[in-house]
Every structure is written in structure tokens, then in C-alpha cells.
């Protein structure tokens, strides 16, 4: 069994080096690049790019096959955090243990930094050299998967539902749908892109999609619990904010204990989806367990 901490650290070093290079190569004004790098290189768990790489390796692919997609996914995730933190959205002042982008710079710069990271993600995705038509079609499919997950059919719609739900009591089904869009969609795309670029067959793709749906929801349930019980110093962001904003969360709908049991059930179901995979999928197994055991 792999040592997950070492695996994630190793992958993060590779991801960070690639992200640094991509930011330095972008044609933007220095203040904007500084704001982009401030948020992009602020640390974080890098769960989405690591999942992309782990899925690729789980089906027999090489890390290099999916590294560009992994970096693009992290850019998109970071853009979403910058925008979510804005006064017009969640109005947060702390992210990853640092002042949020609009506090460290200003609101206009933060908006533009988010926009720039989003567009840079698709620039790097569309700049991958192709050796034949099949590879070109494969990368076009990756771009389509990420576009759908990040846009109005996925993450952006989920954020809109989240804002609209403040002060309302959502049902468990409404909450599940909102979180599947807001958090789960990009996690599902991370696994799907890694599997595609690693050469997965259809059965492997289906099983990894099932895994992704379960851990995507488990990740959000765990986040909801941490917002109630987490240590702000360890998490690098404020806690108790969901209650202050009158958001519907799993603890508010199900209660803390039932939410914890639900997250554990989701993780067990995600592991069942990996039963036919060999030890190359051990990182995915470890990440599933980490999601509900983490403290940040």
C-alpha cells in the first residue's frame, strides 16, 4: 500500500513546477501575473490535479500524459476560489492561510486574475502538440469535459444555486444536486480526463466515474463538517461561516453524526468501484479515505 502523504507531496512538487512555468510563460502585465501566482501558488491540497494524475496511472498511463490537464484543472479551481471569495459572493478574507486575492490586491485585480487563470487553463489545454488526428480528438474531448464541468452545467451553476439557497431550508435531494454541481463536477472531470488520457477502456471509465461521484459528494460533506468543527488555523480559512450565511449544509439538514456516517458510506461505495483495479489504483483508494479523515 502506498504512503499517501509521500505520494501527494511528490505529485504536488511536479504540479507546482509545471504551474510556475505556465504562469511565467503567460503574456500578461506583471501586476496581474503577480495576483494570479499569489492565489495559484498559495498551497492547497491539489486534490483535483492529483486525482487526474492518479486516474491516468490507475489505467496504465504515464504521469506526463495527463500533467497538462491536471494543471489546467488546478487553474480553474483556483479561479473559482478567487471569485467565490469576492464581496459579491462569499465575502471571505482568508484562504489557504493567507489574505484572499481581493484583500491582498483589490477587487478588480482579483476578478481579472480569476478571469486570466480560467482562460490560461484553456490556452494550455489547446496548445498540447498532437501527433495524429486521434490524439487531437482526445484532447478536444478533454476540453469539452472540463468546459462542461466548469460552466453553467456544472460548477458555475452550483455556485449560483448556493447563493440562491442562503436563508432557505433545502431538502437532502436539493442539497445533493447543488453540491454535485458546485464541487463534484470538477472532481468528476478530473477523474474522467485522467482516465481518458491514460487510455482507459469503457468499463474502467464507468467505474472511475462512479468512484468520482461518490468522493465528490463525500468531499463536500466533509467540508460542511469542517466548517462546523474544524480548526481555522489548520484549515487556513474561517469556520462557522455557513451558519452565519444561513446556508443549507449536510450538518444543518442531517446533523453532524448522520453527516459523518453518510460521508463514510460514500467513501466505502467509492472503494467498491475500484475493486477490480490492481495496486496502481492504490493512490485513489488512499485519497478516498483521506477525504473524510482530513482536518483541512
C-alpha atoms as a PDB file:
ATOM      1  CA  UNK A   1       0.000   0.000   0.000  1.00  0.00           C
ATOM      2  CA  UNK A   2       1.350   3.439  -0.880  1.00  0.00           C
ATOM      3  CA  UNK A   3       2.187   6.089   1.687  1.00  0.00           C
ATOM      4  CA  UNK A   4      -0.380   8.669   0.640  1.00  0.00           C
ATOM      5  CA  UNK A   5       1.357  11.654   2.212  1.00  0.00           C
ATOM      6  CA  UNK A   6       4.533  10.956   0.225  1.00  0.00           C
ATOM      7  CA  UNK A   7       2.562  10.304  -2.961  1.00  0.00           C
ATOM      8  CA  UNK A   8       0.668  13.607  -2.728  1.00  0.00           C
ATOM      9  CA  UNK A   9       3.841  15.528  -1.857  1.00  0.00           C
ATOM     10  CA  UNK A  10       5.663  14.055  -4.858  1.00  0.00           C
ATOM     11  CA  UNK A  11       2.813  14.866  -7.238  1.00  0.00           C
ATOM     12  CA  UNK A  12       2.409  18.371  -5.810  1.00  0.00           C
ATOM     13  CA  UNK A  13       6.064  19.146  -6.458  1.00  0.00           C
ATOM     14  CA  UNK A  14       5.620  18.160 -10.111  1.00  0.00           C
ATOM     15  CA  UNK A  15       2.330  20.062 -10.437  1.00  0.00           C
ATOM     16  CA  UNK A  16       3.731  23.192  -8.779  1.00  0.00           C
ATOM     17  CA  UNK A  17       6.805  23.227 -11.020  1.00  0.00           C
ATOM     18  CA  UNK A  18       4.606  22.977 -14.111  1.00  0.00           C
ATOM     19  CA  UNK A  19       2.229  25.684 -12.883  1.00  0.00           C
ATOM     20  CA  UNK A  20       5.120  28.042 -12.161  1.00  0.00           C
ATOM     21  CA  UNK A  21       6.406  27.567 -15.692  1.00  0.00           C
ATOM     22  CA  UNK A  22       2.975  28.156 -17.214  1.00  0.00           C
ATOM     23  CA  UNK A  23       2.477  31.381 -15.265  1.00  0.00           C
ATOM     24  CA  UNK A  24       5.907  32.703 -16.194  1.00  0.00           C
ATOM     25  CA  UNK A  25       5.244  31.996 -19.866  1.00  0.00           C
ATOM     26  CA  UNK A  26       1.885  33.793 -19.941  1.00  0.00           C
ATOM     27  CA  UNK A  27       1.767  37.127 -21.775  1.00  0.00           C
ATOM     28  CA  UNK A  28       0.208  39.414 -19.159  1.00  0.00           C
ATOM     29  CA  UNK A  29       1.137  42.548 -17.288  1.00  0.00           C
ATOM     30  CA  UNK A  30       3.363  41.907 -14.220  1.00  0.00           C
ATOM     31  CA  UNK A  31       0.787  43.040 -11.588  1.00  0.00           C
ATOM     32  CA  UNK A  32      -1.787  40.660 -12.989  1.00  0.00           C
ATOM     33  CA  UNK A  33       0.683  37.777 -13.135  1.00  0.00           C
ATOM     34  CA  UNK A  34       1.624  38.513  -9.526  1.00  0.00           C
ATOM     35  CA  UNK A  35      -2.036  38.269  -8.457  1.00  0.00           C
ATOM     36  CA  UNK A  36      -2.518  35.057 -10.444  1.00  0.00           C
ATOM     37  CA  UNK A  37       0.566  33.494  -8.879  1.00  0.00           C
ATOM     38  CA  UNK A  38      -0.378  34.694  -5.407  1.00  0.00           C
ATOM     39  CA  UNK A  39      -3.518  32.556  -5.399  1.00  0.00           C
ATOM     40  CA  UNK A  40      -2.353  29.727  -7.655  1.00  0.00           C
ATOM     41  CA  UNK A  41       0.844  29.060  -5.714  1.00  0.00           C
ATOM     42  CA  UNK A  42      -0.631  29.585  -2.238  1.00  0.00           C
ATOM     43  CA  UNK A  43      -0.519  25.882  -1.456  1.00  0.00           C
ATOM     44  CA  UNK A  44      -3.738  23.970  -1.068  1.00  0.00           C
ATOM     45  CA  UNK A  45      -4.465  20.278  -1.292  1.00  0.00           C
ATOM     46  CA  UNK A  46      -4.216  19.995  -5.110  1.00  0.00           C
ATOM     47  CA  UNK A  47      -6.819  17.229  -4.895  1.00  0.00           C
ATOM     48  CA  UNK A  48      -8.190  17.723  -8.413  1.00  0.00           C
ATOM     49  CA  UNK A  49      -4.883  17.560 -10.308  1.00  0.00           C
ATOM     50  CA  UNK A  50      -3.656  14.702  -8.112  1.00  0.00           C
ATOM     51  CA  UNK A  51      -6.865  12.782  -8.850  1.00  0.00           C
ATOM     52  CA  UNK A  52      -6.344  13.394 -12.566  1.00  0.00           C
ATOM     53  CA  UNK A  53      -2.803  12.014 -12.434  1.00  0.00           C
ATOM     54  CA  UNK A  54      -3.795   9.103 -10.196  1.00  0.00           C
ATOM     55  CA  UNK A  55      -6.632   8.102 -12.545  1.00  0.00           C
ATOM     56  CA  UNK A  56      -4.266   8.182 -15.505  1.00  0.00           C
ATOM     57  CA  UNK A  57      -1.764   5.943 -13.716  1.00  0.00           C
ATOM     58  CA  UNK A  58      -4.520   3.628 -12.433  1.00  0.00           C
ATOM     59  CA  UNK A  59      -5.391   2.627 -16.023  1.00  0.00           C
ATOM     60  CA  UNK A  60      -1.769   2.201 -17.097  1.00  0.00           C
ATOM     61  CA  UNK A  61      -0.994   5.677 -18.383  1.00  0.00           C
ATOM     62  CA  UNK A  62       2.059   7.820 -17.630  1.00  0.00           C
ATOM     63  CA  UNK A  63       2.033  10.929 -15.472  1.00  0.00           C
ATOM     64  CA  UNK A  64       3.214  13.014 -18.422  1.00  0.00           C
ATOM     65  CA  UNK A  65       0.112  12.008 -20.383  1.00  0.00           C
ATOM     66  CA  UNK A  66      -2.186  13.948 -18.050  1.00  0.00           C
ATOM     67  CA  UNK A  67       0.024  16.628 -16.479  1.00  0.00           C
ATOM     68  CA  UNK A  68      -1.205  19.478 -18.672  1.00  0.00           C
ATOM     69  CA  UNK A  69      -4.833  18.620 -17.942  1.00  0.00           C
ATOM     70  CA  UNK A  70      -4.052  18.355 -14.222  1.00  0.00           C
ATOM     71  CA  UNK A  71      -2.518  21.839 -14.196  1.00  0.00           C
ATOM     72  CA  UNK A  72      -5.446  23.303 -16.128  1.00  0.00           C
ATOM     73  CA  UNK A  73      -7.869  21.820 -13.597  1.00  0.00           C
ATOM     74  CA  UNK A  74      -5.977  23.473 -10.734  1.00  0.00           C
ATOM     75  CA  UNK A  75      -6.043  26.827 -12.541  1.00  0.00           C
ATOM     76  CA  UNK A  76      -9.805  26.556 -12.943  1.00  0.00           C
ATOM     77  CA  UNK A  77     -10.271  25.522  -9.324  1.00  0.00           C
ATOM     78  CA  UNK A  78      -8.154  28.468  -8.155  1.00  0.00           C
ATOM     79  CA  UNK A  79     -10.084  30.913 -10.347  1.00  0.00           C
ATOM     80  CA  UNK A  80     -13.303  29.651  -8.764  1.00  0.00           C
ATOM     81  CA  UNK A  81     -11.899  30.220  -5.258  1.00  0.00           C
ATOM     82  CA  UNK A  82     -10.803  33.766  -6.107  1.00  0.00           C
ATOM     83  CA  UNK A  83     -14.278  34.605  -7.391  1.00  0.00           C
ATOM     84  CA  UNK A  84     -16.098  32.755  -4.598  1.00  0.00           C
ATOM     85  CA  UNK A  85     -14.199  34.847  -2.038  1.00  0.00           C
ATOM     86  CA  UNK A  86     -15.283  38.174  -3.563  1.00  0.00           C
ATOM     87  CA  UNK A  87     -17.604  40.513  -1.630  1.00  0.00           C
ATOM     88  CA  UNK A  88     -20.394  39.830  -4.135  1.00  0.00           C
ATOM     89  CA  UNK A  89     -20.121  36.087  -3.426  1.00  0.00           C
ATOM     90  CA  UNK A  90     -18.977  34.665  -0.060  1.00  0.00           C
ATOM     91  CA  UNK A  91     -17.044  37.773   1.030  1.00  0.00           C
ATOM     92  CA  UNK A  92     -14.199  35.835   2.662  1.00  0.00           C
ATOM     93  CA  UNK A  93     -10.945  37.402   3.822  1.00  0.00           C
ATOM     94  CA  UNK A  94      -8.848  34.286   4.405  1.00  0.00           C
ATOM     95  CA  UNK A  95      -7.950  31.447   2.024  1.00  0.00           C
ATOM     96  CA  UNK A  96      -5.217  28.822   2.398  1.00  0.00           C
ATOM     97  CA  UNK A  97      -3.904  30.681   5.434  1.00  0.00           C
ATOM     98  CA  UNK A  98      -3.419  33.932   3.518  1.00  0.00           C
ATOM     99  CA  UNK A  99      -5.448  37.025   2.764  1.00  0.00           C
ATOM    100  CA  UNK A 100      -7.798  36.360  -0.129  1.00  0.00           C
ATOM    101  CA  UNK A 101      -6.827  37.789  -3.504  1.00  0.00           C
ATOM    102  CA  UNK A 102      -9.156  40.801  -3.343  1.00  0.00           C
ATOM    103  CA  UNK A 103      -7.813  41.677   0.118  1.00  0.00           C
ATOM    104  CA  UNK A 104      -4.147  41.238  -0.853  1.00  0.00           C
ATOM    105  CA  UNK A 105      -4.609  43.250  -4.057  1.00  0.00           C
ATOM    106  CA  UNK A 106      -8.008  44.785  -4.783  1.00  0.00           C
ATOM    107  CA  UNK A 107     -11.381  43.621  -6.013  1.00  0.00           C
ATOM    108  CA  UNK A 108     -10.869  44.495  -9.688  1.00  0.00           C
ATOM    109  CA  UNK A 109      -7.468  42.784  -9.791  1.00  0.00           C
ATOM    110  CA  UNK A 110      -8.924  39.678  -8.154  1.00  0.00           C
ATOM    111  CA  UNK A 111     -11.708  39.476 -10.743  1.00  0.00           C
ATOM    112  CA  UNK A 112      -9.204  39.821 -13.578  1.00  0.00           C
ATOM    113  CA  UNK A 113      -6.780  37.335 -12.001  1.00  0.00           C
ATOM    114  CA  UNK A 114      -9.597  34.768 -11.861  1.00  0.00           C
ATOM    115  CA  UNK A 115     -10.551  35.514 -15.463  1.00  0.00           C
ATOM    116  CA  UNK A 116      -6.918  35.193 -16.534  1.00  0.00           C
ATOM    117  CA  UNK A 117      -6.452  31.817 -14.817  1.00  0.00           C
ATOM    118  CA  UNK A 118      -9.618  30.463 -16.419  1.00  0.00           C
ATOM    119  CA  UNK A 119      -8.581  31.498 -19.914  1.00  0.00           C
ATOM    120  CA  UNK A 120      -4.967  30.396 -19.388  1.00  0.00           C
ATOM    121  CA  UNK A 121      -6.258  26.937 -18.475  1.00  0.00           C
ATOM    122  CA  UNK A 122      -7.864  26.571 -21.888  1.00  0.00           C
ATOM    123  CA  UNK A 123      -4.861  28.098 -23.625  1.00  0.00           C
ATOM    124  CA  UNK A 124      -2.558  25.404 -22.235  1.00  0.00           C
ATOM    125  CA  UNK A 125      -5.120  22.666 -22.958  1.00  0.00           C
ATOM    126  CA  UNK A 126      -5.408  23.743 -26.582  1.00  0.00           C
ATOM    127  CA  UNK A 127      -1.627  24.083 -27.001  1.00  0.00           C
ATOM    128  CA  UNK A 128      -0.726  20.413 -26.447  1.00  0.00           C
ATOM    129  CA  UNK A 129       1.172  19.113 -29.524  1.00  0.00           C
ATOM    130  CA  UNK A 130      -0.710  16.406 -31.433  1.00  0.00           C
ATOM    131  CA  UNK A 131       0.922  13.621 -33.401  1.00  0.00           C
ATOM    132  CA  UNK A 132      -2.245  12.410 -35.141  1.00  0.00           C
ATOM    133  CA  UNK A 133      -5.982  13.004 -35.525  1.00  0.00           C
ATOM    134  CA  UNK A 134      -6.877  10.567 -32.755  1.00  0.00           C
ATOM    135  CA  UNK A 135      -4.768  12.451 -30.229  1.00  0.00           C
ATOM    136  CA  UNK A 136      -6.243  15.757 -31.371  1.00  0.00           C
ATOM    137  CA  UNK A 137      -9.749  14.360 -30.905  1.00  0.00           C
ATOM    138  CA  UNK A 138      -8.784  13.060 -27.465  1.00  0.00           C
ATOM    139  CA  UNK A 139      -7.659  16.493 -26.285  1.00  0.00           C
ATOM    140  CA  UNK A 140     -10.749  18.110 -27.778  1.00  0.00           C
ATOM    141  CA  UNK A 141     -12.806  15.716 -25.656  1.00  0.00           C
ATOM    142  CA  UNK A 142     -10.776  16.701 -22.563  1.00  0.00           C
ATOM    143  CA  UNK A 143     -11.520  20.368 -23.242  1.00  0.00           C
ATOM    144  CA  UNK A 144     -15.213  19.559 -23.652  1.00  0.00           C
ATOM    145  CA  UNK A 145     -15.332  17.622 -20.361  1.00  0.00           C
ATOM    146  CA  UNK A 146     -13.663  20.430 -18.442  1.00  0.00           C
ATOM    147  CA  UNK A 147     -15.786  23.153 -20.078  1.00  0.00           C
ATOM    148  CA  UNK A 148     -18.981  21.338 -19.128  1.00  0.00           C
ATOM    149  CA  UNK A 149     -17.813  20.718 -15.564  1.00  0.00           C
ATOM    150  CA  UNK A 150     -16.692  24.298 -15.009  1.00  0.00           C
ATOM    151  CA  UNK A 151     -19.585  26.105 -16.690  1.00  0.00           C
ATOM    152  CA  UNK A 152     -23.317  26.602 -16.371  1.00  0.00           C
ATOM    153  CA  UNK A 153     -23.936  22.852 -16.414  1.00  0.00           C
ATOM    154  CA  UNK A 154     -21.547  22.322 -13.519  1.00  0.00           C
ATOM    155  CA  UNK A 155     -19.525  24.419 -11.086  1.00  0.00           C
ATOM    156  CA  UNK A 156     -20.873  27.865 -12.004  1.00  0.00           C
ATOM    157  CA  UNK A 157     -24.466  26.665 -11.774  1.00  0.00           C
ATOM    158  CA  UNK A 158     -23.672  25.059  -8.420  1.00  0.00           C
ATOM    159  CA  UNK A 159     -22.316  28.366  -7.105  1.00  0.00           C
ATOM    160  CA  UNK A 160     -25.444  30.131  -8.340  1.00  0.00           C
ATOM    161  CA  UNK A 161     -27.643  27.617  -6.516  1.00  0.00           C
ATOM    162  CA  UNK A 162     -25.529  28.035  -3.397  1.00  0.00           C
ATOM    163  CA  UNK A 163     -26.045  31.805  -3.387  1.00  0.00           C
ATOM    164  CA  UNK A 164     -29.763  31.448  -4.074  1.00  0.00           C
ATOM    165  CA  UNK A 165     -30.155  28.936  -1.250  1.00  0.00           C
ATOM    166  CA  UNK A 166     -28.977  31.266   1.513  1.00  0.00           C
ATOM    167  CA  UNK A 167     -31.753  31.676   4.066  1.00  0.00           C
ATOM    168  CA  UNK A 168     -33.667  28.699   2.666  1.00  0.00           C
ATOM    169  CA  UNK A 169     -34.058  25.181   4.037  1.00  0.00           C
ATOM    170  CA  UNK A 170     -33.063  22.820   1.231  1.00  0.00           C
ATOM    171  CA  UNK A 171     -34.137  19.202   1.093  1.00  0.00           C
ATOM    172  CA  UNK A 172     -31.468  16.495   1.099  1.00  0.00           C
ATOM    173  CA  UNK A 173     -32.005  15.953  -2.642  1.00  0.00           C
ATOM    174  CA  UNK A 174     -31.664  19.681  -3.415  1.00  0.00           C
ATOM    175  CA  UNK A 175     -28.501  19.842  -1.339  1.00  0.00           C
ATOM    176  CA  UNK A 176     -27.039  16.803  -3.088  1.00  0.00           C
ATOM    177  CA  UNK A 177     -27.752  18.292  -6.527  1.00  0.00           C
ATOM    178  CA  UNK A 178     -26.222  21.638  -5.579  1.00  0.00           C
ATOM    179  CA  UNK A 179     -23.028  20.062  -4.253  1.00  0.00           C
ATOM    180  CA  UNK A 180     -22.695  17.664  -7.147  1.00  0.00           C
ATOM    181  CA  UNK A 181     -22.593  20.699  -9.421  1.00  0.00           C
ATOM    182  CA  UNK A 182     -20.560  23.073  -7.257  1.00  0.00           C
ATOM    183  CA  UNK A 183     -17.907  20.641  -6.006  1.00  0.00           C
ATOM    184  CA  UNK A 184     -18.469  17.279  -7.635  1.00  0.00           C
ATOM    185  CA  UNK A 185     -18.492  18.298 -11.294  1.00  0.00           C
ATOM    186  CA  UNK A 186     -14.842  19.350 -11.448  1.00  0.00           C
ATOM    187  CA  UNK A 187     -13.776  16.327  -9.397  1.00  0.00           C
ATOM    188  CA  UNK A 188     -15.645  14.058 -11.821  1.00  0.00           C
ATOM    189  CA  UNK A 189     -13.964  15.812 -14.753  1.00  0.00           C
ATOM    190  CA  UNK A 190     -10.559  15.325 -13.118  1.00  0.00           C
ATOM    191  CA  UNK A 191     -11.038  11.545 -12.983  1.00  0.00           C
ATOM    192  CA  UNK A 192     -12.615  11.415 -16.453  1.00  0.00           C
ATOM    193  CA  UNK A 193      -9.759  13.343 -18.062  1.00  0.00           C
ATOM    194  CA  UNK A 194      -7.096  11.271 -16.339  1.00  0.00           C
ATOM    195  CA  UNK A 195      -8.793   8.050 -17.381  1.00  0.00           C
ATOM    196  CA  UNK A 196      -9.204   9.209 -20.979  1.00  0.00           C
ATOM    197  CA  UNK A 197      -5.607  10.378 -21.321  1.00  0.00           C
ATOM    198  CA  UNK A 198      -4.344   7.174 -19.698  1.00  0.00           C
ATOM    199  CA  UNK A 199      -6.090   5.020 -22.315  1.00  0.00           C
ATOM    200  CA  UNK A 200      -8.895   3.586 -20.165  1.00  0.00           C
ATOM    201  CA  UNK A 201     -11.452   1.255 -21.701  1.00  0.00           C
ATOM    202  CA  UNK A 202     -15.168   1.985 -21.287  1.00  0.00           C
ATOM    203  CA  UNK A 203     -15.588  -0.250 -18.247  1.00  0.00           C
ATOM    204  CA  UNK A 204     -12.719   1.464 -16.471  1.00  0.00           C
ATOM    205  CA  UNK A 205     -14.169   4.870 -17.348  1.00  0.00           C
ATOM    206  CA  UNK A 206     -17.559   3.882 -15.932  1.00  0.00           C
ATOM    207  CA  UNK A 207     -16.070   2.575 -12.688  1.00  0.00           C
ATOM    208  CA  UNK A 208     -13.901   5.656 -12.221  1.00  0.00           C
ATOM    209  CA  UNK A 209     -16.917   7.853 -12.877  1.00  0.00           C
ATOM    210  CA  UNK A 210     -18.801   6.010 -10.123  1.00  0.00           C
ATOM    211  CA  UNK A 211     -15.813   6.494  -7.804  1.00  0.00           C
ATOM    212  CA  UNK A 212     -15.662  10.191  -8.696  1.00  0.00           C
ATOM    213  CA  UNK A 213     -19.347  10.805  -7.973  1.00  0.00           C
ATOM    214  CA  UNK A 214     -19.043   9.243  -4.539  1.00  0.00           C
ATOM    215  CA  UNK A 215     -15.874  11.040  -3.451  1.00  0.00           C
ATOM    216  CA  UNK A 216     -17.056  14.340  -4.963  1.00  0.00           C
ATOM    217  CA  UNK A 217     -20.054  14.330  -2.671  1.00  0.00           C
ATOM    218  CA  UNK A 218     -18.062  12.949   0.281  1.00  0.00           C
ATOM    219  CA  UNK A 219     -15.580  15.803  -0.146  1.00  0.00           C
ATOM    220  CA  UNK A 220     -18.343  18.379   0.235  1.00  0.00           C
ATOM    221  CA  UNK A 221     -19.938  16.610   3.192  1.00  0.00           C
ATOM    222  CA  UNK A 222     -16.527  16.640   4.894  1.00  0.00           C
ATOM    223  CA  UNK A 223     -16.127  20.338   4.065  1.00  0.00           C
ATOM    224  CA  UNK A 224     -19.520  21.068   5.621  1.00  0.00           C
ATOM    225  CA  UNK A 225     -18.490  19.244   8.792  1.00  0.00           C
ATOM    226  CA  UNK A 226     -15.150  21.058   8.932  1.00  0.00           C
ATOM    227  CA  UNK A 227     -16.970  24.388   8.642  1.00  0.00           C
ATOM    228  CA  UNK A 228     -18.648  23.477  11.930  1.00  0.00           C
ATOM    229  CA  UNK A 229     -15.907  21.614  13.779  1.00  0.00           C
ATOM    230  CA  UNK A 230     -12.666  22.490  12.006  1.00  0.00           C
ATOM    231  CA  UNK A 231      -9.690  24.388  13.388  1.00  0.00           C
ATOM    232  CA  UNK A 232      -9.301  27.686  11.474  1.00  0.00           C
ATOM    233  CA  UNK A 233      -5.522  27.652  11.988  1.00  0.00           C
ATOM    234  CA  UNK A 234      -5.188  24.215  10.400  1.00  0.00           C
ATOM    235  CA  UNK A 235      -7.714  24.907   7.660  1.00  0.00           C
ATOM    236  CA  UNK A 236      -6.297  28.298   6.693  1.00  0.00           C
ATOM    237  CA  UNK A 237      -9.777  29.804   6.479  1.00  0.00           C
ATOM    238  CA  UNK A 238     -12.620  30.870   8.737  1.00  0.00           C
ATOM    239  CA  UNK A 239     -15.097  28.392  10.187  1.00  0.00           C
ATOM    240  CA  UNK A 240     -18.733  28.864  11.156  1.00  0.00           C
ATOM    241  CA  UNK A 241     -19.391  30.889   8.025  1.00  0.00           C
ATOM    242  CA  UNK A 242     -22.098  28.556   6.692  1.00  0.00           C
ATOM    243  CA  UNK A 243     -24.240  29.151   9.772  1.00  0.00           C
ATOM    244  CA  UNK A 244     -23.702  32.919   9.638  1.00  0.00           C
ATOM    245  CA  UNK A 245     -24.808  32.996   5.995  1.00  0.00           C
ATOM    246  CA  UNK A 246     -27.759  30.703   6.745  1.00  0.00           C
ATOM    247  CA  UNK A 247     -26.601  28.133   4.215  1.00  0.00           C
ATOM    248  CA  UNK A 248     -28.130  24.687   3.999  1.00  0.00           C
ATOM    249  CA  UNK A 249     -25.385  22.141   4.683  1.00  0.00           C
ATOM    250  CA  UNK A 250     -25.267  18.464   5.494  1.00  0.00           C
ATOM    251  CA  UNK A 251     -24.850  19.106   9.230  1.00  0.00           C
ATOM    252  CA  UNK A 252     -27.816  21.503   9.200  1.00  0.00           C
ATOM    253  CA  UNK A 253     -30.000  19.069   7.235  1.00  0.00           C
ATOM    254  CA  UNK A 254     -28.855  15.708   8.648  1.00  0.00           C
ATOM    255  CA  UNK A 255     -26.956  16.594  11.812  1.00  0.00           C
ATOM    256  CA  UNK A 256     -23.229  16.127  12.463  1.00  0.00           C
ATOM    257  CA  UNK A 257     -23.250  12.417  13.304  1.00  0.00           C
ATOM    258  CA  UNK A 258     -25.526  11.437  10.407  1.00  0.00           C
ATOM    259  CA  UNK A 259     -23.406  13.574   8.055  1.00  0.00           C
ATOM    260  CA  UNK A 260     -20.267  11.793   9.186  1.00  0.00           C
ATOM    261  CA  UNK A 261     -21.904   8.404   8.641  1.00  0.00           C
ATOM    262  CA  UNK A 262     -23.115   9.492   5.208  1.00  0.00           C
ATOM    263  CA  UNK A 263     -19.589  10.555   4.191  1.00  0.00           C
ATOM    264  CA  UNK A 264     -18.178   7.221   5.379  1.00  0.00           C
ATOM    265  CA  UNK A 265     -20.837   5.353   3.390  1.00  0.00           C
ATOM    266  CA  UNK A 266     -19.939   7.319   0.253  1.00  0.00           C
ATOM    267  CA  UNK A 267     -16.249   6.505   0.690  1.00  0.00           C
ATOM    268  CA  UNK A 268     -16.972   2.795   1.128  1.00  0.00           C
ATOM    269  CA  UNK A 269     -19.054   2.858  -2.065  1.00  0.00           C
ATOM    270  CA  UNK A 270     -16.241   4.639  -3.902  1.00  0.00           C
ATOM    271  CA  UNK A 271     -13.805   1.923  -2.825  1.00  0.00           C
ATOM    272  CA  UNK A 272     -16.163  -0.756  -4.113  1.00  0.00           C
ATOM    273  CA  UNK A 273     -15.945   0.851  -7.561  1.00  0.00           C
ATOM    274  CA  UNK A 274     -12.186   0.220  -7.503  1.00  0.00           C
ATOM    275  CA  UNK A 275     -12.333  -3.463  -6.527  1.00  0.00           C
ATOM    276  CA  UNK A 276     -11.336  -4.742  -9.959  1.00  0.00           C
ATOM    277  CA  UNK A 277      -8.370  -2.367 -10.260  1.00  0.00           C
ATOM    278  CA  UNK A 278      -4.900  -3.515  -9.220  1.00  0.00           C
ATOM    279  CA  UNK A 279      -2.402  -1.795  -6.937  1.00  0.00           C
ATOM    280  CA  UNK A 280      -1.928   1.029  -9.443  1.00  0.00           C
ATOM    281  CA  UNK A 281      -5.238   2.375  -8.107  1.00  0.00           C
ATOM    282  CA  UNK A 282      -3.991   2.439  -4.509  1.00  0.00           C
ATOM    283  CA  UNK A 283      -3.487   6.223  -4.613  1.00  0.00           C
ATOM    284  CA  UNK A 284      -7.181   6.607  -5.475  1.00  0.00           C
ATOM    285  CA  UNK A 285      -8.091   4.327  -2.576  1.00  0.00           C
ATOM    286  CA  UNK A 286      -5.927   6.363  -0.241  1.00  0.00           C
ATOM    287  CA  UNK A 287      -7.390   9.669  -1.410  1.00  0.00           C
ATOM    288  CA  UNK A 288     -10.937   8.410  -0.816  1.00  0.00           C
ATOM    289  CA  UNK A 289     -10.106   7.679   2.817  1.00  0.00           C
ATOM    290  CA  UNK A 290      -8.167  10.916   3.212  1.00  0.00           C
ATOM    291  CA  UNK A 291     -11.176  12.960   2.136  1.00  0.00           C
ATOM    292  CA  UNK A 292     -13.107  12.191   5.318  1.00  0.00           C
ATOM    293  CA  UNK A 293     -10.082  11.944   7.623  1.00  0.00           C
ATOM    294  CA  UNK A 294      -8.519  15.308   6.733  1.00  0.00           C
ATOM    295  CA  UNK A 295      -8.504  18.263   9.098  1.00  0.00           C
ATOM    296  CA  UNK A 296      -8.381  20.988   6.463  1.00  0.00           C
END
